[in-house]
Structure formats: C-alpha cells, structure tokens
C-alpha cells in the first residue's frame, strides 16, 4: 500500500509540474498593474526582445472641390523596446524606444513607388518613404508628477476584449517654415488616432510573457513635403490596420523586409536602450535630407569653381 501511495504521490507531483503556470491576473485599477498592462500592450517580452508592429492600408489625397484620390497603398512597421525607468517619487515604470518605416506602394501593382507623377500638379517628384529614427515615448510611472495614480483613461472592457483608443491632436510650429508662425500661421496641424484591441485573458495574464494586440491607425495631415504641393489646400488621410507580430521582424511582409534590408538596414533592430535623441517626423527627416543635399550641391559647385 505504501508503495502504491508513494507512486501515486510521485505521479501527482509529475502532473502538477506539467501544468502551465497559474494565471496571475493584473488589475487595471491598480496603478502598478495599469503601468504593466500598458507596457504589455506596447512592447515585447523584454528590453532585449523588441516588439514589431505591422500595419497596412490606404493613403488618400483630399483636395477641396475634388473627389478623394487613392494615392498609395501603405505598408508600415515599428520596432520597439521598453526600458525600465525608476524615479524615487513616482516608482518603477518604462519608456518606449522605437523607429519606424512606412512605404508608399503603387495601388495597382503593390510595388514600392520611388518616383511619382503628382495628379494635382502634373509634376514628377521623388518619393521620400517614411523612415523616422527615433520615435520614442515619455516615461510611464505608477504615479504622476503631481502624485496622482496612473490610470489608462481610455481603457474599456467589452466581453473577452480590452479596447484602448488614443487620439493625438498635433499643432506646433512647422519645422519647414520660419520663426514667425505665431504671427502668420502655417503651423503643422494634424491628428493621429491609435485604436488598440487585445484579448483580456492574454493582456491581463502576467504569467504570459507579453500580449499580441491588434491596432488600427488613422492619420490626417498636411500634404507630405516631398509632394511639392506649395500652398495648395488639402490634406492626406491614412487608414491602416495591423497587429503586434509574434514572429517579430521575420513575420513582416516581404516588400517591407526586402526594402528595409536594402535601403534602411538599421530599422531591422530597435534603437539602443539609452537612446535620448530628439524624435524625428516626416517633416524633420525631409528637412534633414534636403539640407544635406543642398550642402552637397553647394560643395560640388564650389569645387567646380576651384
């Protein structure tokens, strides 16, 4: 009997060992848990195992008095890591460090568009694909600078799902204009909308390394500077959907992987953990590249004179 009991005990222990770790459910009403939930939504398994978000959709032009035009298909990605940050008053939180690429594709062929005949001007222009490095976030702590507990104000539960919509209104001096925009206008005015959706059991269960939510992204912005639209009225409308990829970079569509590896190789990995550079946008990147090209042209002309 003792042998049977002993064997039974061993079998029971073996079965217990084979069971998955018990769910450790986070509570969004607890500030420390809310910080962890937002981190699980945004980032990867660890600082050393970045997350990759992918999205695809359509890019329209909207000009007064005309029908909206489908200008491009879009394929985009963001590769990111969340690094731990600690504040003696606000607690332990995280900060997102990332870079992103979005390609303009021909709506009919799906191929990357390098030069484009602008239907509004009739001119052919060089396309500057979106490639911003870095795109970093502010730290998130369990307590705010005023001591208020952290809360995901937009979080909403619906059955087995958790929804987190975020609207980001943008209104600031245009980096391509002069120093008097307060007086004459020409501010950069846009809006980006991020809507996340995740399974509650996956997002809240901290025994799982991370969560893999879906995302929809909408951007309403001025004409891209490389379109050479001058002062023509109108705007661009981006609409895309995607998700965080369990397979990381290798799970991206071939058109993105190939283009990144050929022309933007640093975007295959996230920025370093200690990255404190100023964020880039399409407008600041365009200014950087344009100023560089002008300087090279001036240098070549000067060399020719000599």
Protein backbone atom coordinates (compact mmCIF):
# COMPACT_ATOMS: atom_id res chain seq x y z
CA UNK A 1 0.00 0.00 0.00
CA UNK A 2 2.85 2.37 0.91
CA UNK A 3 4.43 1.69 -2.47
CA UNK A 4 1.15 2.44 -4.21
CA UNK A 5 0.73 5.65 -2.24
CA UNK A 6 4.31 6.66 -2.97
CA UNK A 7 3.83 6.01 -6.67
CA UNK A 8 0.57 7.91 -6.57
CA UNK A 9 2.32 10.84 -4.89
CA UNK A 10 5.07 10.87 -7.49
CA UNK A 11 2.52 10.76 -10.28
CA UNK A 12 0.59 13.63 -8.74
CA UNK A 13 3.74 15.71 -8.40
CA UNK A 14 4.60 14.96 -12.01
CA UNK A 15 1.17 16.05 -13.20
CA UNK A 16 1.38 19.26 -11.18
CA UNK A 17 4.79 20.03 -12.65
CA UNK A 18 3.40 19.56 -16.14
CA UNK A 19 0.60 22.09 -15.61
CA UNK A 20 1.07 25.60 -17.04
CA UNK A 21 1.80 28.43 -14.64
CA UNK A 22 -1.30 29.69 -12.90
CA UNK A 23 -2.79 32.86 -14.33
CA UNK A 24 -1.65 35.98 -12.49
CA UNK A 25 -4.28 38.50 -13.50
CA UNK A 26 -3.44 42.20 -13.48
CA UNK A 27 -5.96 44.77 -12.28
CA UNK A 28 -6.17 47.97 -14.38
CA UNK A 29 -7.45 49.84 -11.31
CA UNK A 30 -4.12 49.25 -9.51
CA UNK A 31 -1.58 51.85 -10.70
CA UNK A 32 1.37 49.42 -10.82
CA UNK A 33 -0.74 46.89 -12.73
CA UNK A 34 -2.03 49.56 -15.12
CA UNK A 35 1.56 50.51 -15.96
CA UNK A 36 2.34 46.85 -16.65
CA UNK A 37 -0.79 46.44 -18.79
CA UNK A 38 0.17 49.40 -20.96
CA UNK A 39 3.70 48.00 -21.27
CA UNK A 40 2.34 44.59 -22.34
CA UNK A 41 0.16 46.30 -24.92
CA UNK A 42 3.01 48.31 -26.39
CA UNK A 43 6.18 46.31 -26.07
CA UNK A 44 7.96 43.00 -26.36
CA UNK A 45 8.95 40.23 -24.00
CA UNK A 46 11.90 42.16 -22.58
CA UNK A 47 14.28 45.05 -23.23
CA UNK A 48 16.39 42.63 -25.28
CA UNK A 49 13.49 41.11 -27.26
CA UNK A 50 11.81 44.03 -29.05
CA UNK A 51 8.26 44.05 -30.37
CA UNK A 52 7.39 44.64 -34.02
CA UNK A 53 4.08 46.23 -35.01
CA UNK A 54 2.91 45.93 -38.62
CA UNK A 55 0.08 47.77 -40.38
CA UNK A 56 -1.19 48.11 -43.94
CA UNK A 57 -3.86 50.24 -45.57
CA UNK A 58 -4.67 53.09 -47.93
CA UNK A 59 -3.37 56.64 -48.35
CA UNK A 60 -5.73 59.20 -49.85
CA UNK A 61 -5.45 62.77 -51.04
CA UNK A 62 -8.27 65.18 -50.24
CA UNK A 63 -8.50 68.46 -52.12
CA UNK A 64 -11.43 70.92 -51.94
CA UNK A 65 -13.86 70.58 -54.85
CA UNK A 66 -12.46 67.22 -55.98
CA UNK A 67 -13.19 63.59 -55.26
CA UNK A 68 -10.77 61.96 -52.85
CA UNK A 69 -7.93 60.19 -54.66
CA UNK A 70 -6.35 56.88 -53.64
CA UNK A 71 -2.70 57.89 -53.94
CA UNK A 72 -0.91 54.88 -52.49
CA UNK A 73 -1.22 51.64 -50.63
CA UNK A 74 0.80 51.75 -47.42
CA UNK A 75 2.88 49.13 -45.61
CA UNK A 76 4.37 50.14 -42.28
CA UNK A 77 6.24 48.80 -39.30
CA UNK A 78 7.56 49.97 -35.96
CA UNK A 79 10.24 48.12 -33.99
CA UNK A 80 10.38 49.00 -30.31
CA UNK A 81 11.67 48.12 -26.88
CA UNK A 82 10.54 49.22 -23.44
CA UNK A 83 13.30 50.02 -20.98
CA UNK A 84 12.80 50.16 -17.23
CA UNK A 85 12.97 53.59 -15.61
CA UNK A 86 12.84 54.34 -11.89
CA UNK A 87 12.01 57.53 -10.06
CA UNK A 88 12.31 57.80 -6.25
CA UNK A 89 8.95 59.59 -6.01
CA UNK A 90 6.98 58.08 -8.92
CA UNK A 91 8.08 54.44 -8.72
CA UNK A 92 9.30 51.99 -11.37
CA UNK A 93 7.94 52.32 -14.89
CA UNK A 94 9.02 52.09 -18.51
CA UNK A 95 9.87 54.16 -21.56
CA UNK A 96 9.33 53.15 -25.19
CA UNK A 97 12.22 53.45 -27.66
CA UNK A 98 11.44 52.81 -31.33
CA UNK A 99 11.95 53.57 -35.01
CA UNK A 100 9.50 53.18 -37.91
CA UNK A 101 9.22 52.74 -41.67
CA UNK A 102 6.18 53.20 -43.90
CA UNK A 103 6.34 52.54 -47.63
CA UNK A 104 4.27 54.13 -50.38
CA UNK A 105 3.15 51.39 -52.78
CA UNK A 106 1.53 51.59 -56.20
CA UNK A 107 -2.21 50.92 -55.64
CA UNK A 108 -2.36 48.58 -58.66
CA UNK A 109 0.97 46.73 -58.63
CA UNK A 110 1.85 46.82 -54.93
CA UNK A 111 5.41 47.82 -55.80
CA UNK A 112 7.39 50.46 -53.91
CA UNK A 113 6.99 53.89 -55.56
CA UNK A 114 10.29 55.79 -55.91
CA UNK A 115 9.16 58.48 -58.37
CA UNK A 116 5.57 59.64 -58.69
CA UNK A 117 3.54 61.79 -61.03
CA UNK A 118 1.62 64.11 -58.77
CA UNK A 119 -2.02 64.13 -60.04
CA UNK A 120 -2.62 67.56 -58.53
CA UNK A 121 0.34 69.33 -60.18
CA UNK A 122 1.27 67.10 -63.12
CA UNK A 123 4.89 67.16 -61.96
CA UNK A 124 7.04 64.09 -61.31
CA UNK A 125 8.64 64.05 -57.86
CA UNK A 126 10.91 61.78 -55.86
CA UNK A 127 9.07 59.92 -53.12
CA UNK A 128 10.53 60.02 -49.63
CA UNK A 129 9.41 56.89 -47.83
CA UNK A 130 8.61 57.46 -44.16
CA UNK A 131 11.62 56.39 -42.10
CA UNK A 132 11.78 58.05 -38.71
CA UNK A 133 14.51 57.32 -36.17
CA UNK A 134 13.84 57.59 -33.31
CA UNK A 135 10.17 57.68 -32.34
CA UNK A 136 10.42 57.50 -28.56
CA UNK A 137 7.84 57.92 -25.82
CA UNK A 138 7.73 59.61 -22.46
CA UNK A 139 8.23 57.55 -19.29
CA UNK A 140 5.19 55.93 -17.67
CA UNK A 141 5.21 55.65 -13.88
CA UNK A 142 2.70 54.36 -11.30
CA UNK A 143 2.37 57.92 -10.04
CA UNK A 144 2.29 61.17 -11.98
CA UNK A 145 4.46 64.21 -11.33
CA UNK A 146 1.59 65.55 -9.19
CA UNK A 147 1.37 62.30 -7.24
CA UNK A 148 -1.84 61.16 -8.95
CA UNK A 149 -2.07 57.39 -9.53
CA UNK A 150 -1.51 56.20 -13.10
CA UNK A 151 -4.67 55.27 -14.95
CA UNK A 152 -5.35 54.18 -18.53
CA UNK A 153 -8.19 56.64 -19.02
CA UNK A 154 -9.36 55.23 -22.36
CA UNK A 155 -9.37 51.56 -21.36
CA UNK A 156 -12.69 49.84 -21.95
CA UNK A 157 -13.59 46.19 -21.45
CA UNK A 158 -16.14 44.50 -23.70
CA UNK A 159 -16.73 40.79 -23.21
CA UNK A 160 -13.41 38.99 -23.80
CA UNK A 161 -11.76 42.13 -25.27
CA UNK A 162 -9.98 45.21 -23.99
CA UNK A 163 -10.05 48.37 -26.11
CA UNK A 164 -7.66 51.32 -25.78
CA UNK A 165 -8.25 54.21 -28.20
CA UNK A 166 -5.87 57.16 -28.26
CA UNK A 167 -6.29 60.41 -30.19
CA UNK A 168 -3.18 62.52 -30.67
CA UNK A 169 -4.01 66.09 -31.87
CA UNK A 170 -0.88 67.76 -33.26
CA UNK A 171 -0.48 71.52 -33.52
CA UNK A 172 3.00 73.02 -33.40
CA UNK A 173 5.41 75.21 -35.42
CA UNK A 174 6.14 73.64 -38.79
CA UNK A 175 9.84 72.67 -38.88
CA UNK A 176 9.96 73.64 -42.58
CA UNK A 177 8.74 77.20 -42.03
CA UNK A 178 10.22 80.32 -40.46
CA UNK A 179 10.30 81.77 -36.97
CA UNK A 180 7.13 83.89 -37.22
CA UNK A 181 4.39 81.28 -37.47
CA UNK A 182 2.70 82.59 -34.34
CA UNK A 183 2.00 85.77 -36.29
CA UNK A 184 1.30 84.47 -39.80
CA UNK A 185 0.09 80.87 -39.27
CA UNK A 186 1.44 77.89 -41.20
CA UNK A 187 1.51 75.68 -38.12
CA UNK A 188 1.77 71.93 -38.50
CA UNK A 189 -1.79 70.75 -37.84
CA UNK A 190 -2.61 67.03 -37.90
CA UNK A 191 -4.17 64.22 -35.92
CA UNK A 192 -3.16 60.62 -35.37
CA UNK A 193 -5.57 58.04 -33.96
CA UNK A 194 -4.41 54.73 -32.49
CA UNK A 195 -7.00 52.12 -31.51
CA UNK A 196 -5.69 49.00 -29.75
CA UNK A 197 -7.70 45.82 -29.14
CA UNK A 198 -6.50 42.80 -27.17
CA UNK A 199 -7.88 39.66 -25.57
CA UNK A 200 -8.42 40.36 -21.89
CA UNK A 201 -7.10 36.96 -20.76
CA UNK A 202 -3.88 37.49 -22.70
CA UNK A 203 -3.34 41.14 -21.82
CA UNK A 204 -4.04 40.83 -18.09
CA UNK A 205 -2.30 37.47 -17.51
CA UNK A 206 1.20 38.38 -16.34
CA UNK A 207 2.27 34.72 -16.38
CA UNK A 208 2.39 35.11 -20.17
CA UNK A 209 5.48 36.98 -21.42
CA UNK A 210 3.53 39.64 -23.33
CA UNK A 211 0.35 40.26 -25.31
CA UNK A 212 -0.21 40.49 -29.08
CA UNK A 213 -2.93 43.08 -29.70
CA UNK A 214 -4.41 44.40 -32.92
CA UNK A 215 -4.19 48.06 -33.91
CA UNK A 216 -5.94 50.45 -36.26
CA UNK A 217 -4.22 53.69 -37.20
CA UNK A 218 -5.62 56.82 -38.83
CA UNK A 219 -3.62 59.91 -39.71
CA UNK A 220 -4.99 63.18 -41.08
CA UNK A 221 -2.16 65.51 -42.05
CA UNK A 222 -0.98 68.18 -44.47
CA UNK A 223 0.47 67.20 -47.84
CA UNK A 224 3.83 65.45 -47.48
CA UNK A 225 6.60 67.97 -48.19
CA UNK A 226 8.18 65.82 -50.93
CA UNK A 227 4.93 66.15 -52.95
CA UNK A 228 5.86 69.80 -53.71
CA UNK A 229 2.29 70.97 -53.26
CA UNK A 230 3.26 74.50 -52.25
CA UNK A 231 0.29 76.30 -50.73
CA UNK A 232 -2.41 74.17 -52.37
CA UNK A 233 -5.24 73.45 -49.92
CA UNK A 234 -5.91 69.86 -48.97
CA UNK A 235 -4.69 67.03 -46.80
CA UNK A 236 -3.68 63.38 -46.68
CA UNK A 237 -5.72 60.68 -45.00
CA UNK A 238 -4.04 57.44 -43.90
CA UNK A 239 -6.13 54.47 -42.79
CA UNK A 240 -4.49 51.20 -41.77
CA UNK A 241 -4.88 48.15 -39.56
CA UNK A 242 -2.38 45.67 -38.19
CA UNK A 243 -1.06 43.91 -35.12
CA UNK A 244 1.94 43.16 -32.97
CA UNK A 245 3.70 40.24 -34.62
CA UNK A 246 4.55 37.14 -32.54
CA UNK A 247 7.20 36.33 -35.16
CA UNK A 248 8.88 39.73 -34.95
CA UNK A 249 10.72 41.22 -37.92
CA UNK A 250 10.76 37.97 -39.89
CA UNK A 251 6.94 37.92 -39.88
CA UNK A 252 6.70 41.19 -41.86
CA UNK A 253 5.54 41.11 -45.49
CA UNK A 254 8.35 40.53 -47.97
CA UNK A 255 8.01 44.01 -49.50
CA UNK A 256 8.85 45.59 -46.14
CA UNK A 257 11.64 43.20 -45.20
CA UNK A 258 13.32 43.50 -48.59
CA UNK A 259 13.12 47.29 -48.72
CA UNK A 260 14.39 47.69 -45.15
CA UNK A 261 17.29 45.31 -45.63
CA UNK A 262 18.29 47.01 -48.88
CA UNK A 263 17.79 50.68 -48.02
CA UNK A 264 17.10 51.10 -44.28
CA UNK A 265 19.09 48.32 -42.53
CA UNK A 266 19.16 49.92 -39.07
CA UNK A 267 15.36 49.52 -38.92
CA UNK A 268 15.72 45.76 -38.54
CA UNK A 269 16.52 46.39 -34.88
CA UNK A 270 15.26 48.79 -32.22
CA UNK A 271 17.34 51.82 -31.11
CA UNK A 272 19.72 51.30 -28.18
CA UNK A 273 18.33 51.20 -24.67
CA UNK A 274 19.92 54.51 -23.68
CA UNK A 275 18.60 56.45 -26.70
CA UNK A 276 17.80 60.04 -25.74
CA UNK A 277 17.81 61.63 -29.22
CA UNK A 278 15.10 64.04 -30.32
CA UNK A 279 12.25 62.38 -32.20
CA UNK A 280 12.02 62.50 -35.97
CA UNK A 281 8.94 63.11 -38.12
CA UNK A 282 8.37 63.10 -41.87
CA UNK A 283 8.90 66.87 -41.84
CA UNK A 284 12.13 66.90 -39.81
CA UNK A 285 13.53 63.99 -41.85
CA UNK A 286 12.67 65.80 -45.09
CA UNK A 287 14.42 68.94 -43.81
CA UNK A 288 17.47 66.92 -42.77
CA UNK A 289 17.79 65.19 -46.14
CA UNK A 290 17.04 68.37 -48.13
CA UNK A 291 19.58 70.43 -46.19
CA UNK A 292 22.16 67.67 -46.69
CA UNK A 293 21.50 67.52 -50.46
CA UNK A 294 21.73 71.32 -50.77
CA UNK A 295 25.01 71.37 -48.86
CA UNK A 296 26.46 68.66 -51.10
CA UNK A 297 25.33 70.56 -54.20
CA UNK A 298 26.90 73.79 -52.93
CA UNK A 299 30.10 71.96 -52.08
CA UNK A 300 30.25 70.41 -55.58
CA UNK A 301 29.65 73.79 -57.22
CA UNK A 302 32.36 75.39 -55.11
CA UNK A 303 34.77 72.60 -56.03
CA UNK A 304 33.92 73.12 -59.70
CA UNK A 305 34.75 76.82 -59.47
CA UNK A 306 38.12 75.97 -57.98
